[in-house]
Amino acid sequence: MDEVAGAVADPVRREILLMLRDERLTAGQVAERFAISRPAVSRHLRVLREAGLVRDTADGRRRVYELVTAPLEELAGWLGRLTAPAGWQHHLDALETEVHRTRRERRAQPERSEKPHEPGQRAQAEQRESA
């Protein structure tokens, strides 16, 4: 994965990957789209190939390059785990939301006189009030 991350760190290589996402291209076709030398493009393609991000096949005397997505999917999975909330974080966020909702509801309710909550306490309070 380190090699893949290093390969996609370069903006030219990222652009090459985007180009190869849509179609298979020869090194010459890739080079035509950049204002850099063909040897420089060949070096970028070599780095991508060694990282497993592109595959080249012979087509007569030319090499045709195509995108290989599996290493990118592995990197994306790792990045997803890195950026996703930790297991408990999701639950704590939900709890915080519930606490804030309950506080808002309590503030919105008119003040009530103090009434006991237990049935036995209610009866005792009623007896005291009637006496």
N, C-alpha and C. Protein backbone atom coordinates (compact mmCIF):
# COMPACT_ATOMS: atom_id res chain seq x y z
N MET A 1 0.82 -1.19 0.00
CA MET A 1 0.00 0.00 0.00
C MET A 1 0.87 1.26 0.00
N ASP A 2 2.05 1.21 0.61
CA ASP A 2 2.94 2.37 0.62
C ASP A 2 3.34 2.76 -0.79
N GLU A 3 3.61 1.76 -1.61
CA GLU A 3 4.02 2.02 -2.99
C GLU A 3 2.88 2.67 -3.77
N VAL A 4 1.66 2.21 -3.52
CA VAL A 4 0.49 2.78 -4.19
C VAL A 4 0.30 4.24 -3.76
N ALA A 5 0.39 4.48 -2.45
CA ALA A 5 0.23 5.85 -1.95
C ALA A 5 1.31 6.76 -2.53
N GLY A 6 2.53 6.27 -2.61
CA GLY A 6 3.60 7.06 -3.20
C GLY A 6 3.37 7.34 -4.67
N ALA A 7 2.84 6.36 -5.38
CA ALA A 7 2.60 6.53 -6.81
C ALA A 7 1.52 7.57 -7.07
N VAL A 8 0.47 7.58 -6.26
CA VAL A 8 -0.62 8.53 -6.51
C VAL A 8 -0.34 9.90 -5.89
N ALA A 9 0.80 10.05 -5.22
CA ALA A 9 1.16 11.34 -4.63
C ALA A 9 1.52 12.37 -5.69
N ASP A 10 1.91 11.92 -6.86
CA ASP A 10 2.33 12.84 -7.93
C ASP A 10 1.12 13.24 -8.78
N PRO A 11 0.92 14.54 -9.03
CA PRO A 11 -0.24 14.97 -9.81
C PRO A 11 -0.25 14.47 -11.25
N VAL A 12 0.91 14.33 -11.88
CA VAL A 12 0.96 13.82 -13.25
C VAL A 12 0.48 12.37 -13.26
N ARG A 13 0.92 11.58 -12.31
CA ARG A 13 0.50 10.18 -12.26
C ARG A 13 -1.00 10.07 -11.96
N ARG A 14 -1.51 10.94 -11.12
CA ARG A 14 -2.96 10.92 -10.85
C ARG A 14 -3.73 11.23 -12.13
N GLU A 15 -3.23 12.17 -12.91
CA GLU A 15 -3.89 12.51 -14.17
C GLU A 15 -3.83 11.34 -15.15
N ILE A 16 -2.70 10.66 -15.19
CA ILE A 16 -2.57 9.48 -16.06
C ILE A 16 -3.59 8.42 -15.65
N LEU A 17 -3.75 8.21 -14.35
CA LEU A 17 -4.74 7.23 -13.88
C LEU A 17 -6.15 7.61 -14.31
N LEU A 18 -6.46 8.90 -14.23
CA LEU A 18 -7.78 9.35 -14.68
C LEU A 18 -7.97 9.11 -16.17
N MET A 19 -6.93 9.34 -16.95
CA MET A 19 -7.00 9.10 -18.39
C MET A 19 -7.24 7.62 -18.68
N LEU A 20 -6.53 6.77 -17.94
CA LEU A 20 -6.64 5.33 -18.18
C LEU A 20 -7.93 4.74 -17.63
N ARG A 21 -8.61 5.50 -16.78
CA ARG A 21 -9.90 5.04 -16.28
C ARG A 21 -10.90 4.92 -17.43
N ASP A 22 -10.79 5.82 -18.38
CA ASP A 22 -11.75 5.87 -19.48
C ASP A 22 -11.39 4.99 -20.67
N GLU A 23 -10.08 4.77 -20.89
CA GLU A 23 -9.68 3.99 -22.07
C GLU A 23 -8.25 3.50 -21.94
N ARG A 24 -7.94 2.47 -22.71
CA ARG A 24 -6.56 1.97 -22.78
C ARG A 24 -5.80 2.89 -23.72
N LEU A 25 -4.55 3.23 -23.33
CA LEU A 25 -3.76 4.15 -24.13
C LEU A 25 -2.32 3.66 -24.26
N THR A 26 -1.69 4.03 -25.37
CA THR A 26 -0.26 3.76 -25.53
C THR A 26 0.51 4.86 -24.79
N ALA A 27 1.80 4.61 -24.57
CA ALA A 27 2.64 5.62 -23.92
C ALA A 27 2.66 6.90 -24.74
N GLY A 28 2.68 6.77 -26.06
CA GLY A 28 2.66 7.94 -26.93
C GLY A 28 1.38 8.75 -26.78
N GLN A 29 0.24 8.06 -26.69
CA GLN A 29 -1.03 8.77 -26.51
C GLN A 29 -1.07 9.50 -25.16
N VAL A 30 -0.51 8.87 -24.15
CA VAL A 30 -0.45 9.52 -22.83
C VAL A 30 0.45 10.75 -22.93
N ALA A 31 1.61 10.61 -23.56
CA ALA A 31 2.59 11.70 -23.65
C ALA A 31 2.03 12.89 -24.42
N GLU A 32 1.18 12.64 -25.43
CA GLU A 32 0.61 13.73 -26.23
C GLU A 32 -0.19 14.70 -25.37
N ARG A 33 -0.70 14.24 -24.26
CA ARG A 33 -1.59 15.06 -23.43
C ARG A 33 -0.86 15.86 -22.35
N PHE A 34 0.47 15.74 -22.32
CA PHE A 34 1.25 16.44 -21.31
C PHE A 34 2.33 17.28 -21.96
N ALA A 35 2.71 18.33 -21.28
CA ALA A 35 3.79 19.20 -21.76
C ALA A 35 5.11 18.79 -21.12
N ILE A 36 5.34 17.47 -21.06
CA ILE A 36 6.60 16.94 -20.54
C ILE A 36 7.15 15.96 -21.57
N SER A 37 8.40 15.61 -21.43
CA SER A 37 9.04 14.74 -22.42
C SER A 37 8.47 13.32 -22.36
N ARG A 38 8.62 12.61 -23.47
CA ARG A 38 8.18 11.20 -23.50
C ARG A 38 8.94 10.35 -22.49
N PRO A 39 10.26 10.55 -22.32
CA PRO A 39 10.95 9.77 -21.29
C PRO A 39 10.38 10.02 -19.88
N ALA A 40 9.95 11.26 -19.61
CA ALA A 40 9.36 11.56 -18.30
C ALA A 40 8.03 10.82 -18.14
N VAL A 41 7.23 10.79 -19.21
CA VAL A 41 5.96 10.05 -19.16
C VAL A 41 6.24 8.57 -18.97
N SER A 42 7.25 8.05 -19.66
CA SER A 42 7.61 6.63 -19.51
C SER A 42 8.01 6.32 -18.07
N ARG A 43 8.71 7.23 -17.44
CA ARG A 43 9.09 7.02 -16.02
C ARG A 43 7.85 6.99 -15.13
N HIS A 44 6.91 7.89 -15.39
CA HIS A 44 5.67 7.90 -14.60
C HIS A 44 4.90 6.59 -14.81
N LEU A 45 4.83 6.14 -16.05
CA LEU A 45 4.13 4.88 -16.32
C LEU A 45 4.83 3.71 -15.64
N ARG A 46 6.16 3.74 -15.60
CA ARG A 46 6.91 2.67 -14.92
C ARG A 46 6.58 2.65 -13.42
N VAL A 47 6.53 3.81 -12.80
CA VAL A 47 6.20 3.89 -11.37
C VAL A 47 4.80 3.33 -11.13
N LEU A 48 3.86 3.70 -11.99
CA LEU A 48 2.49 3.20 -11.86
C LEU A 48 2.43 1.68 -12.06
N ARG A 49 3.19 1.19 -13.02
CA ARG A 49 3.22 -0.25 -13.29
C ARG A 49 3.83 -1.00 -12.11
N GLU A 50 4.93 -0.50 -11.57
CA GLU A 50 5.59 -1.17 -10.44
C GLU A 50 4.73 -1.14 -9.18
N ALA A 51 3.86 -0.15 -9.06
CA ALA A 51 2.93 -0.08 -7.93
C ALA A 51 1.70 -0.95 -8.15
N GLY A 52 1.59 -1.53 -9.35
CA GLY A 52 0.45 -2.39 -9.66
C GLY A 52 -0.79 -1.64 -10.07
N LEU A 53 -0.64 -0.36 -10.39
CA LEU A 53 -1.80 0.47 -10.74
C LEU A 53 -2.14 0.44 -12.22
N VAL A 54 -1.18 0.09 -13.05
CA VAL A 54 -1.45 -0.07 -14.48
C VAL A 54 -0.83 -1.38 -14.95
N ARG A 55 -1.40 -1.89 -16.01
CA ARG A 55 -0.89 -3.11 -16.64
C ARG A 55 -0.61 -2.74 -18.09
N ASP A 56 0.51 -3.23 -18.61
CA ASP A 56 0.81 -2.96 -20.01
C ASP A 56 0.84 -4.28 -20.78
N THR A 57 0.36 -4.20 -21.99
CA THR A 57 0.37 -5.38 -22.87
C THR A 57 0.97 -4.95 -24.21
N ALA A 58 1.58 -5.92 -24.86
CA ALA A 58 2.20 -5.64 -26.16
C ALA A 58 1.12 -5.63 -27.24
N ASP A 59 1.21 -4.65 -28.10
CA ASP A 59 0.33 -4.56 -29.26
C ASP A 59 1.24 -4.22 -30.43
N GLY A 60 1.82 -5.28 -31.01
CA GLY A 60 2.84 -5.07 -32.03
C GLY A 60 4.08 -4.52 -31.36
N ARG A 61 4.55 -3.39 -31.82
CA ARG A 61 5.73 -2.77 -31.21
C ARG A 61 5.36 -1.79 -30.10
N ARG A 62 4.09 -1.55 -29.92
CA ARG A 62 3.64 -0.57 -28.91
C ARG A 62 3.24 -1.28 -27.62
N ARG A 63 3.29 -0.54 -26.52
CA ARG A 63 2.79 -1.01 -25.22
C ARG A 63 1.50 -0.26 -24.95
N VAL A 64 0.47 -1.00 -24.63
CA VAL A 64 -0.83 -0.40 -24.31
C VAL A 64 -1.04 -0.51 -22.81
N TYR A 65 -1.42 0.59 -22.19
CA TYR A 65 -1.58 0.64 -20.74
C TYR A 65 -3.05 0.70 -20.38
N GLU A 66 -3.39 -0.01 -19.28
CA GLU A 66 -4.75 0.05 -18.76
C GLU A 66 -4.71 0.12 -17.24
N LEU A 67 -5.75 0.69 -16.69
CA LEU A 67 -5.85 0.89 -15.24
C LEU A 67 -6.15 -0.42 -14.53
N VAL A 68 -5.52 -0.62 -13.37
CA VAL A 68 -5.82 -1.74 -12.47
C VAL A 68 -6.34 -1.11 -11.18
N THR A 69 -7.59 -1.36 -10.84
CA THR A 69 -8.20 -0.64 -9.71
C THR A 69 -8.02 -1.31 -8.35
N ALA A 70 -7.67 -2.58 -8.31
CA ALA A 70 -7.59 -3.30 -7.02
C ALA A 70 -6.70 -2.59 -5.99
N PRO A 71 -5.49 -2.15 -6.35
CA PRO A 71 -4.67 -1.46 -5.35
C PRO A 71 -5.30 -0.15 -4.87
N LEU A 72 -6.00 0.53 -5.75
CA LEU A 72 -6.67 1.77 -5.35
C LEU A 72 -7.82 1.48 -4.40
N GLU A 73 -8.52 0.37 -4.63
CA GLU A 73 -9.62 -0.01 -3.74
C GLU A 73 -9.08 -0.34 -2.35
N GLU A 74 -7.93 -0.99 -2.29
CA GLU A 74 -7.32 -1.29 -1.00
C GLU A 74 -6.96 0.01 -0.27
N LEU A 75 -6.36 0.95 -0.99
CA LEU A 75 -6.00 2.23 -0.39
C LEU A 75 -7.25 2.99 0.04
N ALA A 76 -8.28 2.98 -0.80
CA ALA A 76 -9.53 3.67 -0.46
C ALA A 76 -10.17 3.04 0.78
N GLY A 77 -10.10 1.72 0.90
CA GLY A 77 -10.64 1.06 2.09
C GLY A 77 -9.91 1.50 3.35
N TRP A 78 -8.60 1.58 3.27
CA TRP A 78 -7.82 2.02 4.43
C TRP A 78 -8.15 3.47 4.78
N LEU A 79 -8.24 4.33 3.76
CA LEU A 79 -8.59 5.73 4.00
C LEU A 79 -9.98 5.84 4.60
N GLY A 80 -10.90 4.99 4.14
CA GLY A 80 -12.25 4.98 4.70
C GLY A 80 -12.26 4.63 6.17
N ARG A 81 -11.46 3.65 6.54
CA ARG A 81 -11.36 3.28 7.97
C ARG A 81 -10.74 4.40 8.77
N LEU A 82 -9.80 5.09 8.18
CA LEU A 82 -9.13 6.19 8.87
C LEU A 82 -10.07 7.36 9.10
N THR A 83 -10.92 7.64 8.14
CA THR A 83 -11.80 8.80 8.23
C THR A 83 -13.14 8.51 8.86
N ALA A 84 -13.52 7.23 8.98
CA ALA A 84 -14.80 6.87 9.58
C ALA A 84 -14.73 7.07 11.09
N PRO A 85 -15.86 7.44 11.70
CA PRO A 85 -15.86 7.56 13.16
C PRO A 85 -15.54 6.22 13.81
N ALA A 86 -14.85 6.29 14.93
CA ALA A 86 -14.55 5.07 15.68
C ALA A 86 -15.87 4.45 16.12
N GLY A 87 -15.86 3.17 16.43
CA GLY A 87 -17.08 2.45 16.78
C GLY A 87 -17.93 3.15 17.82
N TRP A 88 -17.33 3.56 18.91
CA TRP A 88 -18.09 4.21 19.97
C TRP A 88 -18.44 5.64 19.62
N GLN A 89 -17.68 6.26 18.77
CA GLN A 89 -17.93 7.66 18.45
C GLN A 89 -19.34 7.85 17.90
N HIS A 90 -19.78 6.95 17.05
CA HIS A 90 -21.12 7.03 16.47
C HIS A 90 -22.17 6.98 17.58
N HIS A 91 -22.00 6.06 18.53
CA HIS A 91 -22.96 5.92 19.63
C HIS A 91 -22.93 7.14 20.54
N LEU A 92 -21.75 7.67 20.81
CA LEU A 92 -21.65 8.86 21.65
C LEU A 92 -22.28 10.07 20.97
N ASP A 93 -22.12 10.18 19.67
CA ASP A 93 -22.76 11.28 18.94
C ASP A 93 -24.27 11.17 19.04
N ALA A 94 -24.80 9.96 18.92
CA ALA A 94 -26.25 9.75 19.03
C ALA A 94 -26.73 10.09 20.44
N LEU A 95 -25.97 9.72 21.45
CA LEU A 95 -26.33 10.03 22.83
C LEU A 95 -26.33 11.54 23.05
N GLU A 96 -25.33 12.22 22.54
CA GLU A 96 -25.27 13.68 22.68
C GLU A 96 -26.48 14.34 22.03
N THR A 97 -26.87 13.86 20.86
CA THR A 97 -28.05 14.39 20.18
C THR A 97 -29.29 14.20 21.04
N GLU A 98 -29.43 13.03 21.62
CA GLU A 98 -30.59 12.73 22.46
C GLU A 98 -30.61 13.62 23.71
N VAL A 99 -29.48 13.85 24.32
CA VAL A 99 -29.40 14.72 25.51
C VAL A 99 -29.83 16.13 25.14
N HIS A 100 -29.36 16.65 24.03
CA HIS A 100 -29.73 18.01 23.60
C HIS A 100 -31.22 18.09 23.28
N ARG A 101 -31.75 17.06 22.65
CA ARG A 101 -33.18 17.05 22.33
C ARG A 101 -34.01 17.06 23.60
N THR A 102 -33.64 16.25 24.57
CA THR A 102 -34.37 16.19 25.84
C THR A 102 -34.31 17.53 26.56
N ARG A 103 -33.17 18.17 26.57
CA ARG A 103 -33.04 19.48 27.21
C ARG A 103 -33.93 20.52 26.54
N ARG A 104 -33.98 20.50 25.22
CA ARG A 104 -34.84 21.44 24.49
C ARG A 104 -36.30 21.21 24.84
N GLU A 105 -36.70 19.93 24.88
CA GLU A 105 -38.09 19.61 25.20
C GLU A 105 -38.44 20.07 26.61
N ARG A 106 -37.55 19.87 27.55
CA ARG A 106 -37.82 20.28 28.93
C ARG A 106 -37.94 21.79 29.05
N ARG A 107 -37.10 22.52 28.33
CA ARG A 107 -37.17 23.98 28.37
C ARG A 107 -38.46 24.48 27.73
N ALA A 108 -38.94 23.77 26.74
CA ALA A 108 -40.14 24.19 26.02
C ALA A 108 -41.41 23.91 26.83
N GLN A 109 -41.40 23.00 27.77
CA GLN A 109 -42.58 22.66 28.57
C GLN A 109 -42.76 23.70 29.66
N PRO A 110 -44.03 24.07 29.96
CA PRO A 110 -44.27 25.01 31.06
C PRO A 110 -43.86 24.36 32.39
N GLU A 111 -43.48 25.22 33.35
CA GLU A 111 -43.07 24.68 34.65
C GLU A 111 -44.26 24.03 35.31
N ARG A 112 -44.02 22.88 35.89
CA ARG A 112 -45.07 22.15 36.59
C ARG A 112 -44.82 22.26 38.08
N SER A 113 -45.90 22.16 38.84
CA SER A 113 -45.71 22.10 40.28
C SER A 113 -45.08 20.77 40.60
N GLU A 114 -44.40 20.74 41.70
CA GLU A 114 -43.67 19.53 42.06
C GLU A 114 -44.67 18.44 42.41
N LYS A 115 -44.75 17.42 41.61
CA LYS A 115 -45.65 16.30 41.85
C LYS A 115 -44.81 15.05 41.99
N PRO A 116 -45.14 14.21 42.94
CA PRO A 116 -44.40 12.96 43.09
C PRO A 116 -44.60 12.07 41.88
N HIS A 117 -43.60 11.28 41.59
CA HIS A 117 -43.65 10.41 40.41
C HIS A 117 -44.08 9.00 40.74
N GLU A 118 -43.92 8.59 41.96
CA GLU A 118 -44.28 7.22 42.33
C GLU A 118 -45.73 7.18 42.79
N PRO A 119 -46.48 6.13 42.44
CA PRO A 119 -47.89 6.04 42.83
C PRO A 119 -48.08 6.15 44.35
N GLY A 120 -47.24 5.52 45.13
CA GLY A 120 -47.36 5.58 46.58
C GLY A 120 -47.11 6.98 47.10
N GLN A 121 -46.16 7.66 46.52
CA GLN A 121 -45.85 9.02 46.95
C GLN A 121 -46.99 9.97 46.59
N ARG A 122 -47.64 9.72 45.47
CA ARG A 122 -48.76 10.56 45.05
C ARG A 122 -49.90 10.47 46.06
N ALA A 123 -50.21 9.27 46.49
CA ALA A 123 -51.29 9.08 47.46
C ALA A 123 -50.95 9.78 48.77
N GLN A 124 -49.72 9.67 49.21
CA GLN A 124 -49.31 10.32 50.46
C GLN A 124 -49.41 11.83 50.32
N ALA A 125 -49.02 12.38 49.20
CA ALA A 125 -49.09 13.82 48.98
C ALA A 125 -50.53 14.29 48.95
N GLU A 126 -51.41 13.51 48.32
CA GLU A 126 -52.83 13.88 48.27
C GLU A 126 -53.43 13.88 49.66
N GLN A 127 -53.04 12.92 50.51
CA GLN A 127 -53.56 12.86 51.88
C GLN A 127 -53.10 14.09 52.66
N ARG A 128 -51.86 14.50 52.50
CA ARG A 128 -51.35 15.67 53.20
C ARG A 128 -52.06 16.94 52.75
N GLU A 129 -52.36 17.02 51.43
CA GLU A 129 -53.02 18.20 50.91
C GLU A 129 -54.45 18.30 51.41
N SER A 130 -55.14 17.16 51.58
CA SER A 130 -56.54 17.18 52.02
C SER A 130 -56.64 17.38 53.53
N ALA A 131 -55.58 17.15 54.25
CA ALA A 131 -55.63 17.28 55.71
C ALA A 131 -55.52 18.70 56.17
